[in-house]
Amino acid sequence: MNATKKRYDGKHRVTRIFLADYQLLKRLSQQAGMSMAETLHKLITGGFAHKVPVTPVKLPVPAARAMPVPTAITTNGNKVVAFRIKTKGVRYA
Protein backbone atom coordinates (compact mmCIF):
# COMPACT_ATOMS: atom_id res chain seq x y z
CA MET A 1 0.00 0.00 0.00
CA ASN A 2 1.25 3.43 -0.91
CA ALA A 3 2.01 5.76 1.99
CA THR A 4 0.23 8.69 0.36
CA LYS A 5 -2.94 6.73 -0.24
CA LYS A 6 -5.20 6.05 2.67
CA ARG A 7 -7.66 3.22 2.90
CA TYR A 8 -10.71 5.45 2.32
CA ASP A 9 -9.25 6.74 -0.97
CA GLY A 10 -9.89 3.40 -2.65
CA LYS A 11 -13.47 3.22 -1.45
CA HIS A 12 -14.89 6.39 -2.96
CA ARG A 13 -14.46 8.46 -6.08
CA VAL A 14 -14.59 12.18 -6.62
CA THR A 15 -17.04 13.51 -9.17
CA ARG A 16 -16.68 17.12 -10.26
CA ILE A 17 -19.81 18.91 -11.40
CA PHE A 18 -20.84 22.51 -11.93
CA LEU A 19 -22.64 24.34 -9.15
CA ALA A 20 -25.80 24.70 -11.26
CA ASP A 21 -25.80 20.94 -11.92
CA TYR A 22 -25.30 20.29 -8.20
CA GLN A 23 -28.24 22.50 -7.30
CA LEU A 24 -30.42 20.78 -9.91
CA LEU A 25 -29.37 17.37 -8.60
CA LYS A 26 -30.09 18.45 -5.03
CA ARG A 27 -33.53 19.81 -5.95
CA LEU A 28 -34.43 16.63 -7.86
CA SER A 29 -33.30 14.42 -5.00
CA GLN A 30 -35.35 16.43 -2.50
CA GLN A 31 -38.45 16.27 -4.71
CA ALA A 32 -38.06 12.52 -5.21
CA GLY A 33 -37.23 11.90 -1.55
CA MET A 34 -34.04 9.94 -2.21
CA SER A 35 -30.32 10.45 -1.82
CA MET A 36 -28.28 12.44 -4.32
CA ALA A 37 -26.33 9.31 -5.31
CA GLU A 38 -29.55 7.48 -6.18
CA THR A 39 -30.83 10.51 -8.09
CA LEU A 40 -27.59 10.79 -10.06
CA HIS A 41 -27.74 7.07 -10.85
CA LYS A 42 -31.33 7.37 -12.07
CA LEU A 43 -30.46 10.38 -14.22
CA ILE A 44 -27.57 8.51 -15.84
CA THR A 45 -29.49 5.28 -16.44
CA GLY A 46 -32.70 7.01 -17.53
CA GLY A 47 -34.81 6.02 -14.53
CA PHE A 48 -36.62 9.37 -14.52
CA ALA A 49 -38.10 8.89 -18.00
CA HIS A 50 -41.62 10.26 -18.08
CA LYS A 51 -44.20 7.73 -19.15
CA VAL A 52 -46.86 9.29 -21.33
CA PRO A 53 -50.26 7.70 -20.68
CA VAL A 54 -51.88 6.31 -23.79
CA THR A 55 -55.54 7.19 -24.02
CA PRO A 56 -57.80 4.75 -25.87
CA VAL A 57 -59.67 5.87 -28.95
CA LYS A 58 -63.07 7.26 -28.01
CA LEU A 59 -64.97 6.28 -31.17
CA PRO A 60 -64.05 3.40 -33.44
CA VAL A 61 -63.19 4.71 -36.88
CA PRO A 62 -63.30 2.40 -39.89
CA ALA A 63 -59.89 2.11 -41.50
CA ALA A 64 -61.14 1.62 -45.04
CA ARG A 65 -64.54 1.85 -46.61
CA ALA A 66 -65.59 0.07 -49.79
CA MET A 67 -67.62 2.09 -52.25
CA PRO A 68 -69.69 0.06 -54.72
CA VAL A 69 -69.30 0.90 -58.39
CA PRO A 70 -72.69 1.69 -59.92
CA THR A 71 -73.64 -0.38 -62.96
CA ALA A 72 -74.66 1.73 -65.95
CA ILE A 73 -76.73 0.23 -68.74
CA THR A 74 -77.25 2.19 -71.95
CA THR A 75 -80.02 1.43 -74.41
CA ASN A 76 -80.22 2.53 -78.02
CA GLY A 77 -83.91 3.42 -78.05
CA ASN A 78 -85.28 -0.09 -78.65
CA LYS A 79 -84.60 -1.10 -75.05
CA VAL A 80 -81.78 -3.31 -76.28
CA VAL A 81 -78.59 -3.09 -74.26
CA ALA A 82 -75.83 -1.38 -76.25
CA PHE A 83 -73.09 -1.76 -73.63
CA ARG A 84 -72.82 -2.12 -69.90
CA ILE A 85 -70.20 -1.24 -67.31
CA LYS A 86 -69.80 -3.79 -64.58
CA THR A 87 -67.27 -4.54 -61.92
CA LYS A 88 -64.76 -7.32 -62.36
CA GLY A 89 -66.08 -10.73 -61.39
CA VAL A 90 -69.78 -9.77 -61.50
CA ARG A 91 -72.01 -11.88 -63.74
CA TYR A 92 -75.31 -10.73 -65.15
CA ALA A 93 -77.87 -12.98 -66.83
PDB file of N, CA and C in Angstrom:
ATOM      1  N   MET A   1       0.838  -1.169   0.000  1.00  0.00           N
ATOM      2  CA  MET A   1       0.000   0.000   0.000  1.00  0.00           C
ATOM      3  C   MET A   1       0.889   1.241   0.000  1.00  0.00           C
ATOM      4  N   ASN A   2       0.500   2.187  -0.793  1.00  0.00           N
ATOM      5  CA  ASN A   2       1.255   3.427  -0.907  1.00  0.00           C
ATOM      6  C   ASN A   2       1.047   4.273   0.354  1.00  0.00           C
ATOM      7  N   ALA A   3       2.096   4.966   0.759  1.00  0.00           N
ATOM      8  CA  ALA A   3       2.012   5.756   1.987  1.00  0.00           C
ATOM      9  C   ALA A   3       1.117   6.973   1.806  1.00  0.00           C
ATOM     10  N   THR A   4       1.057   7.506   0.576  1.00  0.00           N
ATOM     11  CA  THR A   4       0.231   8.692   0.356  1.00  0.00           C
ATOM     12  C   THR A   4      -1.246   8.357   0.234  1.00  0.00           C
ATOM     13  N   LYS A   5      -1.540   7.127  -0.090  1.00  0.00           N
ATOM     14  CA  LYS A   5      -2.942   6.726  -0.244  1.00  0.00           C
ATOM     15  C   LYS A   5      -3.460   6.139   1.061  1.00  0.00           C
ATOM     16  N   LYS A   6      -4.562   6.599   1.483  1.00  0.00           N
ATOM     17  CA  LYS A   6      -5.200   6.045   2.666  1.00  0.00           C
ATOM     18  C   LYS A   6      -6.211   4.994   2.231  1.00  0.00           C
ATOM     19  N   ARG A   7      -6.717   4.285   3.196  1.00  0.00           N
ATOM     20  CA  ARG A   7      -7.658   3.220   2.904  1.00  0.00           C
ATOM     21  C   ARG A   7      -8.977   3.754   2.347  1.00  0.00           C
ATOM     22  N   TYR A   8      -9.437   4.903   2.784  1.00  0.00           N
ATOM     23  CA  TYR A   8     -10.713   5.453   2.319  1.00  0.00           C
ATOM     24  C   TYR A   8     -10.614   5.983   0.896  1.00  0.00           C
ATOM     25  N   ASP A   9      -9.386   6.243   0.396  1.00  0.00           N
ATOM     26  CA  ASP A   9      -9.252   6.742  -0.974  1.00  0.00           C
ATOM     27  C   ASP A   9      -9.680   5.709  -2.004  1.00  0.00           C
ATOM     28  N   GLY A  10      -9.507   4.453  -1.706  1.00  0.00           N
ATOM     29  CA  GLY A  10      -9.892   3.403  -2.649  1.00  0.00           C
ATOM     30  C   GLY A  10     -11.365   3.069  -2.607  1.00  0.00           C
ATOM     31  N   LYS A  11     -12.072   3.575  -1.613  1.00  0.00           N
ATOM     32  CA  LYS A  11     -13.472   3.217  -1.447  1.00  0.00           C
ATOM     33  C   LYS A  11     -14.438   4.229  -2.036  1.00  0.00           C
ATOM     34  N   HIS A  12     -13.982   5.403  -2.372  1.00  0.00           N
ATOM     35  CA  HIS A  12     -14.891   6.391  -2.958  1.00  0.00           C
ATOM     36  C   HIS A  12     -14.194   7.113  -4.098  1.00  0.00           C
ATOM     37  N   ARG A  13     -14.985   7.719  -4.938  1.00  0.00           N
ATOM     38  CA  ARG A  13     -14.461   8.458  -6.077  1.00  0.00           C
ATOM     39  C   ARG A  13     -14.989   9.880  -6.035  1.00  0.00           C
ATOM     40  N   VAL A  14     -14.224  10.774  -6.589  1.00  0.00           N
ATOM     41  CA  VAL A  14     -14.594  12.175  -6.621  1.00  0.00           C
ATOM     42  C   VAL A  14     -15.210  12.481  -7.971  1.00  0.00           C
ATOM     43  N   THR A  15     -16.375  13.097  -7.949  1.00  0.00           N
ATOM     44  CA  THR A  15     -17.037  13.515  -9.174  1.00  0.00           C
ATOM     45  C   THR A  15     -17.147  15.026  -9.155  1.00  0.00           C
ATOM     46  N   ARG A  16     -16.626  15.665 -10.184  1.00  0.00           N
ATOM     47  CA  ARG A  16     -16.677  17.124 -10.255  1.00  0.00           C
ATOM     48  C   ARG A  16     -17.830  17.541 -11.154  1.00  0.00           C
ATOM     49  N   ILE A  17     -18.690  18.405 -10.623  1.00  0.00           N
ATOM     50  CA  ILE A  17     -19.813  18.915 -11.404  1.00  0.00           C
ATOM     51  C   ILE A  17     -19.918  20.420 -11.179  1.00  0.00           C
ATOM     52  N   PHE A  18     -20.614  21.078 -12.064  1.00  0.00           N
ATOM     53  CA  PHE A  18     -20.843  22.510 -11.929  1.00  0.00           C
ATOM     54  C   PHE A  18     -21.819  22.770 -10.789  1.00  0.00           C
ATOM     55  N   LEU A  19     -21.770  23.983 -10.266  1.00  0.00           N
ATOM     56  CA  LEU A  19     -22.639  24.344  -9.151  1.00  0.00           C
ATOM     57  C   LEU A  19     -24.112  24.305  -9.563  1.00  0.00           C
ATOM     58  N   ALA A  20     -24.414  24.736 -10.780  1.00  0.00           N
ATOM     59  CA  ALA A  20     -25.805  24.703 -11.256  1.00  0.00           C
ATOM     60  C   ALA A  20     -26.295  23.261 -11.368  1.00  0.00           C
ATOM     61  N   ASP A  21     -25.418  22.354 -11.831  1.00  0.00           N
ATOM     62  CA  ASP A  21     -25.802  20.945 -11.917  1.00  0.00           C
ATOM     63  C   ASP A  21     -25.997  20.347 -10.527  1.00  0.00           C
ATOM     64  N   TYR A  22     -25.162  20.767  -9.579  1.00  0.00           N
ATOM     65  CA  TYR A  22     -25.299  20.291  -8.203  1.00  0.00           C
ATOM     66  C   TYR A  22     -26.629  20.739  -7.602  1.00  0.00           C
ATOM     67  N   GLN A  23     -26.983  21.990  -7.844  1.00  0.00           N
ATOM     68  CA  GLN A  23     -28.241  22.498  -7.303  1.00  0.00           C
ATOM     69  C   GLN A  23     -29.437  21.800  -7.938  1.00  0.00           C
ATOM     70  N   LEU A  24     -29.353  21.524  -9.241  1.00  0.00           N
ATOM     71  CA  LEU A  24     -30.424  20.777  -9.907  1.00  0.00           C
ATOM     72  C   LEU A  24     -30.529  19.367  -9.343  1.00  0.00           C
ATOM     73  N   LEU A  25     -29.381  18.721  -9.148  1.00  0.00           N
ATOM     74  CA  LEU A  25     -29.371  17.369  -8.598  1.00  0.00           C
ATOM     75  C   LEU A  25     -29.931  17.357  -7.177  1.00  0.00           C
ATOM     76  N   LYS A  26     -29.587  18.362  -6.395  1.00  0.00           N
ATOM     77  CA  LYS A  26     -30.089  18.449  -5.027  1.00  0.00           C
ATOM     78  C   LYS A  26     -31.598  18.668  -5.006  1.00  0.00           C
ATOM     79  N   ARG A  27     -32.090  19.548  -5.894  1.00  0.00           N
ATOM     80  CA  ARG A  27     -33.528  19.811  -5.951  1.00  0.00           C
ATOM     81  C   ARG A  27     -34.293  18.565  -6.398  1.00  0.00           C
ATOM     82  N   LEU A  28     -33.763  17.856  -7.403  1.00  0.00           N
ATOM     83  CA  LEU A  28     -34.430  16.634  -7.863  1.00  0.00           C
ATOM     84  C   LEU A  28     -34.446  15.565  -6.779  1.00  0.00           C
ATOM     85  N   SER A  29     -33.349  15.440  -6.049  1.00  0.00           N
ATOM     86  CA  SER A  29     -33.299  14.421  -5.000  1.00  0.00           C
ATOM     87  C   SER A  29     -34.256  14.760  -3.857  1.00  0.00           C
ATOM     88  N   GLN A  30     -34.415  16.040  -3.552  1.00  0.00           N
ATOM     89  CA  GLN A  30     -35.352  16.426  -2.498  1.00  0.00           C
ATOM     90  C   GLN A  30     -36.796  16.213  -2.936  1.00  0.00           C
ATOM     91  N   GLN A  31     -37.091  16.483  -4.210  1.00  0.00           N
ATOM     92  CA  GLN A  31     -38.454  16.267  -4.712  1.00  0.00           C
ATOM     93  C   GLN A  31     -38.796  14.787  -4.755  1.00  0.00           C
ATOM     94  N   ALA A  32     -37.804  13.953  -5.118  1.00  0.00           N
ATOM     95  CA  ALA A  32     -38.056  12.520  -5.214  1.00  0.00           C
ATOM     96  C   ALA A  32     -37.968  11.835  -3.857  1.00  0.00           C
ATOM     97  N   GLY A  33     -37.340  12.497  -2.878  1.00  0.00           N
ATOM     98  CA  GLY A  33     -37.226  11.904  -1.549  1.00  0.00           C
ATOM     99  C   GLY A  33     -36.192  10.801  -1.489  1.00  0.00           C
ATOM    100  N   MET A  34     -35.106  10.943  -2.218  1.00  0.00           N
ATOM    101  CA  MET A  34     -34.043   9.938  -2.211  1.00  0.00           C
ATOM    102  C   MET A  34     -32.701  10.646  -2.126  1.00  0.00           C
ATOM    103  N   SER A  35     -31.647   9.860  -1.962  1.00  0.00           N
ATOM    104  CA  SER A  35     -30.322  10.455  -1.824  1.00  0.00           C
ATOM    105  C   SER A  35     -29.837  10.994  -3.164  1.00  0.00           C
ATOM    106  N   MET A  36     -28.811  11.844  -3.091  1.00  0.00           N
ATOM    107  CA  MET A  36     -28.278  12.437  -4.318  1.00  0.00           C
ATOM    108  C   MET A  36     -27.583  11.387  -5.175  1.00  0.00           C
ATOM    109  N   ALA A  37     -26.989  10.378  -4.551  1.00  0.00           N
ATOM    110  CA  ALA A  37     -26.334   9.312  -5.311  1.00  0.00           C
ATOM    111  C   ALA A  37     -27.364   8.515  -6.108  1.00  0.00           C
ATOM    112  N   GLU A  38     -28.493   8.203  -5.472  1.00  0.00           N
ATOM    113  CA  GLU A  38     -29.554   7.477  -6.185  1.00  0.00           C
ATOM    114  C   GLU A  38     -30.134   8.323  -7.314  1.00  0.00           C
ATOM    115  N   THR A  39     -30.294   9.610  -7.061  1.00  0.00           N
ATOM    116  CA  THR A  39     -30.826  10.506  -8.087  1.00  0.00           C
ATOM    117  C   THR A  39     -29.877  10.609  -9.266  1.00  0.00           C
ATOM    118  N   LEU A  40     -28.581  10.736  -8.988  1.00  0.00           N
ATOM    119  CA  LEU A  40     -27.585  10.789 -10.059  1.00  0.00           C
ATOM    120  C   LEU A  40     -27.578   9.495 -10.855  1.00  0.00           C
ATOM    121  N   HIS A  41     -27.702   8.365 -10.165  1.00  0.00           N
ATOM    122  CA  HIS A  41     -27.741   7.072 -10.852  1.00  0.00           C
ATOM    123  C   HIS A  41     -28.972   6.965 -11.749  1.00  0.00           C
ATOM    124  N   LYS A  42     -30.119   7.422 -11.254  1.00  0.00           N
ATOM    125  CA  LYS A  42     -31.334   7.366 -12.074  1.00  0.00           C
ATOM    126  C   LYS A  42     -31.259   8.302 -13.264  1.00  0.00           C
ATOM    127  N   LEU A  43     -30.616   9.459 -13.092  1.00  0.00           N
ATOM    128  CA  LEU A  43     -30.455  10.377 -14.221  1.00  0.00           C
ATOM    129  C   LEU A  43     -29.552   9.782 -15.292  1.00  0.00           C
ATOM    130  N   ILE A  44     -28.498   9.097 -14.881  1.00  0.00           N
ATOM    131  CA  ILE A  44     -27.565   8.510 -15.844  1.00  0.00           C
ATOM    132  C   ILE A  44     -28.207   7.333 -16.561  1.00  0.00           C
ATOM    133  N   THR A  45     -28.900   6.477 -15.830  1.00  0.00           N
ATOM    134  CA  THR A  45     -29.488   5.281 -16.436  1.00  0.00           C
ATOM    135  C   THR A  45     -30.841   5.528 -17.077  1.00  0.00           C
ATOM    136  N   GLY A  46     -31.409   6.711 -16.917  1.00  0.00           N
ATOM    137  CA  GLY A  46     -32.701   7.011 -17.533  1.00  0.00           C
ATOM    138  C   GLY A  46     -33.875   6.542 -16.709  1.00  0.00           C
ATOM    139  N   GLY A  47     -33.728   6.463 -15.403  1.00  0.00           N
ATOM    140  CA  GLY A  47     -34.809   6.019 -14.532  1.00  0.00           C
ATOM    141  C   GLY A  47     -35.904   7.046 -14.344  1.00  0.00           C
ATOM    142  N   PHE A  48     -35.635   8.309 -14.683  1.00  0.00           N
ATOM    143  CA  PHE A  48     -36.622   9.367 -14.524  1.00  0.00           C
ATOM    144  C   PHE A  48     -37.387   9.625 -15.813  1.00  0.00           C
ATOM    145  N   ALA A  49     -37.389   8.686 -16.730  1.00  0.00           N
ATOM    146  CA  ALA A  49     -38.097   8.885 -17.998  1.00  0.00           C
ATOM    147  C   ALA A  49     -39.593   9.008 -17.721  1.00  0.00           C
ATOM    148  N   HIS A  50     -40.186  10.033 -18.279  1.00  0.00           N
ATOM    149  CA  HIS A  50     -41.618  10.259 -18.084  1.00  0.00           C
ATOM    150  C   HIS A  50     -42.397   9.312 -18.978  1.00  0.00           C
ATOM    151  N   LYS A  51     -43.352   8.629 -18.394  1.00  0.00           N
ATOM    152  CA  LYS A  51     -44.198   7.725 -19.154  1.00  0.00           C
ATOM    153  C   LYS A  51     -45.466   8.473 -19.543  1.00  0.00           C
ATOM    154  N   VAL A  52     -45.686   8.591 -20.825  1.00  0.00           N
ATOM    155  CA  VAL A  52     -46.862   9.294 -21.325  1.00  0.00           C
ATOM    156  C   VAL A  52     -48.028   8.313 -21.344  1.00  0.00           C
ATOM    157  N   PRO A  53     -49.123   8.618 -20.665  1.00  0.00           N
ATOM    158  CA  PRO A  53     -50.257   7.697 -20.683  1.00  0.00           C
ATOM    159  C   PRO A  53     -50.913   7.675 -22.061  1.00  0.00           C
ATOM    160  N   VAL A  54     -51.235   6.482 -22.500  1.00  0.00           N
ATOM    161  CA  VAL A  54     -51.880   6.307 -23.795  1.00  0.00           C
ATOM    162  C   VAL A  54     -53.378   6.249 -23.565  1.00  0.00           C
ATOM    163  N   THR A  55     -54.092   7.175 -24.166  1.00  0.00           N
ATOM    164  CA  THR A  55     -55.544   7.191 -24.019  1.00  0.00           C
ATOM    165  C   THR A  55     -56.172   6.363 -25.136  1.00  0.00           C
ATOM    166  N   PRO A  56     -57.159   5.543 -24.814  1.00  0.00           N
ATOM    167  CA  PRO A  56     -57.798   4.751 -25.866  1.00  0.00           C
ATOM    168  C   PRO A  56     -58.631   5.635 -26.789  1.00  0.00           C
ATOM    169  N   VAL A  57     -58.888   5.133 -27.966  1.00  0.00           N
ATOM    170  CA  VAL A  57     -59.675   5.867 -28.953  1.00  0.00           C
ATOM    171  C   VAL A  57     -61.119   5.914 -28.474  1.00  0.00           C
ATOM    172  N   LYS A  58     -61.702   7.090 -28.509  1.00  0.00           N
ATOM    173  CA  LYS A  58     -63.067   7.259 -28.012  1.00  0.00           C
ATOM    174  C   LYS A  58     -64.088   6.583 -28.928  1.00  0.00           C
ATOM    175  N   LEU A  59     -64.028   6.858 -30.222  1.00  0.00           N
ATOM    176  CA  LEU A  59     -64.971   6.284 -31.171  1.00  0.00           C
ATOM    177  C   LEU A  59     -64.221   5.421 -32.172  1.00  0.00           C
ATOM    178  N   PRO A  60     -64.716   4.218 -32.427  1.00  0.00           N
ATOM    179  CA  PRO A  60     -64.046   3.402 -33.436  1.00  0.00           C
ATOM    180  C   PRO A  60     -64.246   4.003 -34.825  1.00  0.00           C
ATOM    181  N   VAL A  61     -63.161   4.128 -35.544  1.00  0.00           N
ATOM    182  CA  VAL A  61     -63.192   4.713 -36.875  1.00  0.00           C
ATOM    183  C   VAL A  61     -62.836   3.621 -37.873  1.00  0.00           C
ATOM    184  N   PRO A  62     -63.656   3.423 -38.912  1.00  0.00           N
ATOM    185  CA  PRO A  62     -63.302   2.397 -39.891  1.00  0.00           C
ATOM    186  C   PRO A  62     -62.034   2.798 -40.635  1.00  0.00           C
ATOM    187  N   ALA A  63     -61.165   1.828 -40.840  1.00  0.00           N
ATOM    188  CA  ALA A  63     -59.887   2.111 -41.496  1.00  0.00           C
ATOM    189  C   ALA A  63     -60.075   2.310 -42.993  1.00  0.00           C
ATOM    190  N   ALA A  64     -60.893   1.497 -43.604  1.00  0.00           N
ATOM    191  CA  ALA A  64     -61.136   1.615 -45.043  1.00  0.00           C
ATOM    192  C   ALA A  64     -62.616   1.360 -45.303  1.00  0.00           C
ATOM    193  N   ARG A  65     -63.127   2.019 -46.291  1.00  0.00           N
ATOM    194  CA  ARG A  65     -64.536   1.847 -46.611  1.00  0.00           C
ATOM    195  C   ARG A  65     -64.662   1.519 -48.090  1.00  0.00           C
ATOM    196  N   ALA A  66     -65.400   0.486 -48.399  1.00  0.00           N
ATOM    197  CA  ALA A  66     -65.591   0.070 -49.794  1.00  0.00           C
ATOM    198  C   ALA A  66     -66.769   0.818 -50.392  1.00  0.00           C
ATOM    199  N   MET A  67     -66.554   1.387 -51.543  1.00  0.00           N
ATOM    200  CA  MET A  67     -67.616   2.093 -52.252  1.00  0.00           C
ATOM    201  C   MET A  67     -68.014   1.254 -53.466  1.00  0.00           C
ATOM    202  N   PRO A  68     -69.283   0.861 -53.566  1.00  0.00           N
ATOM    203  CA  PRO A  68     -69.693   0.058 -54.720  1.00  0.00           C
ATOM    204  C   PRO A  68     -69.685   0.895 -56.004  1.00  0.00           C
ATOM    205  N   VAL A  69     -69.301   0.234 -57.087  1.00  0.00           N
ATOM    206  CA  VAL A  69     -69.300   0.896 -58.392  1.00  0.00           C
ATOM    207  C   VAL A  69     -70.681   0.729 -59.003  1.00  0.00           C
ATOM    208  N   PRO A  70     -71.351   1.827 -59.337  1.00  0.00           N
ATOM    209  CA  PRO A  70     -72.693   1.685 -59.923  1.00  0.00           C
ATOM    210  C   PRO A  70     -72.612   1.095 -61.332  1.00  0.00           C
ATOM    211  N   THR A  71     -73.571   0.233 -61.634  1.00  0.00           N
ATOM    212  CA  THR A  71     -73.637  -0.379 -62.957  1.00  0.00           C
ATOM    213  C   THR A  71     -74.487   0.503 -63.856  1.00  0.00           C
ATOM    214  N   ALA A  72     -73.942   0.867 -65.003  1.00  0.00           N
ATOM    215  CA  ALA A  72     -74.662   1.731 -65.945  1.00  0.00           C
ATOM    216  C   ALA A  72     -75.010   0.926 -67.188  1.00  0.00           C
ATOM    217  N   ILE A  73     -76.268   0.932 -67.538  1.00  0.00           N
ATOM    218  CA  ILE A  73     -76.728   0.227 -68.740  1.00  0.00           C
ATOM    219  C   ILE A  73     -77.291   1.265 -69.705  1.00  0.00           C
ATOM    220  N   THR A  74     -76.803   1.245 -70.933  1.00  0.00           N
ATOM    221  CA  THR A  74     -77.255   2.190 -71.949  1.00  0.00           C
ATOM    222  C   THR A  74     -78.068   1.448 -72.998  1.00  0.00           C
ATOM    223  N   THR A  75     -79.196   2.031 -73.352  1.00  0.00           N
ATOM    224  CA  THR A  75     -80.025   1.430 -74.409  1.00  0.00           C
ATOM    225  C   THR A  75     -80.002   2.332 -75.634  1.00  0.00           C
ATOM    226  N   ASN A  76     -80.256   1.752 -76.781  1.00  0.00           N
ATOM    227  CA  ASN A  76     -80.219   2.528 -78.024  1.00  0.00           C
ATOM    228  C   ASN A  76     -81.608   2.910 -78.531  1.00  0.00           C
ATOM    229  N   GLY A  77     -82.580   3.007 -77.661  1.00  0.00           N
ATOM    230  CA  GLY A  77     -83.912   3.420 -78.052  1.00  0.00           C
ATOM    231  C   GLY A  77     -84.877   2.265 -78.172  1.00  0.00           C
ATOM    232  N   ASN A  78     -84.419   1.083 -78.514  1.00  0.00           N
ATOM    233  CA  ASN A  78     -85.281  -0.086 -78.652  1.00  0.00           C
ATOM    234  C   ASN A  78     -85.264  -0.945 -77.392  1.00  0.00           C
ATOM    235  N   LYS A  79     -84.732  -0.391 -76.324  1.00  0.00           N
ATOM    236  CA  LYS A  79     -84.600  -1.103 -75.054  1.00  0.00           C
ATOM    237  C   LYS A  79     -83.656  -2.291 -75.167  1.00  0.00           C
ATOM    238  N   VAL A  80     -82.788  -2.270 -76.148  1.00  0.00           N
ATOM    239  CA  VAL A  80     -81.778  -3.313 -76.284  1.00  0.00           C
ATOM    240  C   VAL A  80     -80.488  -2.749 -75.690  1.00  0.00           C
ATOM    241  N   VAL A  81     -79.794  -3.556 -74.935  1.00  0.00           N
ATOM    242  CA  VAL A  81     -78.587  -3.093 -74.262  1.00  0.00           C
ATOM    243  C   VAL A  81     -77.489  -2.892 -75.289  1.00  0.00           C
ATOM    244  N   ALA A  82     -76.937  -1.668 -75.340  1.00  0.00           N
ATOM    245  CA  ALA A  82     -75.835  -1.380 -76.250  1.00  0.00           C
ATOM    246  C   ALA A  82     -74.504  -1.782 -75.596  1.00  0.00           C
ATOM    247  N   PHE A  83     -74.281  -1.352 -74.394  1.00  0.00           N
ATOM    248  CA  PHE A  83     -73.087  -1.764 -73.633  1.00  0.00           C
ATOM    249  C   PHE A  83     -73.401  -1.604 -72.154  1.00  0.00           C
ATOM    250  N   ARG A  84     -72.628  -2.251 -71.341  1.00  0.00           N
ATOM    251  CA  ARG A  84     -72.816  -2.118 -69.905  1.00  0.00           C
ATOM    252  C   ARG A  84     -71.455  -2.072 -69.210  1.00  0.00           C
ATOM    253  N   ILE A  85     -71.404  -1.333 -68.130  1.00  0.00           N
ATOM    254  CA  ILE A  85     -70.203  -1.239 -67.310  1.00  0.00           C
ATOM    255  C   ILE A  85     -70.474  -2.039 -66.048  1.00  0.00           C
ATOM    256  N   LYS A  86     -69.619  -2.981 -65.785  1.00  0.00           N
ATOM    257  CA  LYS A  86     -69.800  -3.788 -64.583  1.00  0.00           C
ATOM    258  C   LYS A  86     -68.445  -4.015 -63.919  1.00  0.00           C
ATOM    259  N   THR A  87     -68.497  -4.301 -62.657  1.00  0.00           N
ATOM    260  CA  THR A  87     -67.267  -4.539 -61.916  1.00  0.00           C
ATOM    261  C   THR A  87     -66.707  -5.900 -62.265  1.00  0.00           C
ATOM    262  N   LYS A  88     -65.424  -6.075 -62.011  1.00  0.00           N
ATOM    263  CA  LYS A  88     -64.756  -7.324 -62.359  1.00  0.00           C
ATOM    264  C   LYS A  88     -65.292  -8.454 -61.486  1.00  0.00           C
ATOM    265  N   GLY A  89     -65.606  -9.562 -62.108  1.00  0.00           N
ATOM    266  CA  GLY A  89     -66.078 -10.728 -61.387  1.00  0.00           C
ATOM    267  C   GLY A  89     -67.581 -10.792 -61.209  1.00  0.00           C
ATOM    268  N   VAL A  90     -68.327  -9.785 -61.643  1.00  0.00           N
ATOM    269  CA  VAL A  90     -69.781  -9.772 -61.502  1.00  0.00           C
ATOM    270  C   VAL A  90     -70.386 -10.366 -62.758  1.00  0.00           C
ATOM    271  N   ARG A  91     -71.345 -11.267 -62.589  1.00  0.00           N
ATOM    272  CA  ARG A  91     -72.006 -11.882 -63.745  1.00  0.00           C
ATOM    273  C   ARG A  91     -73.462 -11.471 -63.769  1.00  0.00           C
ATOM    274  N   TYR A  92     -73.908 -11.066 -64.943  1.00  0.00           N
ATOM    275  CA  TYR A  92     -75.311 -10.727 -65.149  1.00  0.00           C
ATOM    276  C   TYR A  92     -75.914 -11.725 -66.115  1.00  0.00           C
ATOM    277  N   ALA A  93     -77.187 -12.024 -65.953  1.00  0.00           N
ATOM    278  CA  ALA A  93     -77.868 -12.977 -66.833  1.00  0.00           C
ATOM    279  C   ALA A  93     -78.228 -12.335 -68.145  1.00  0.00           C
TER     280      ALA A  93
END
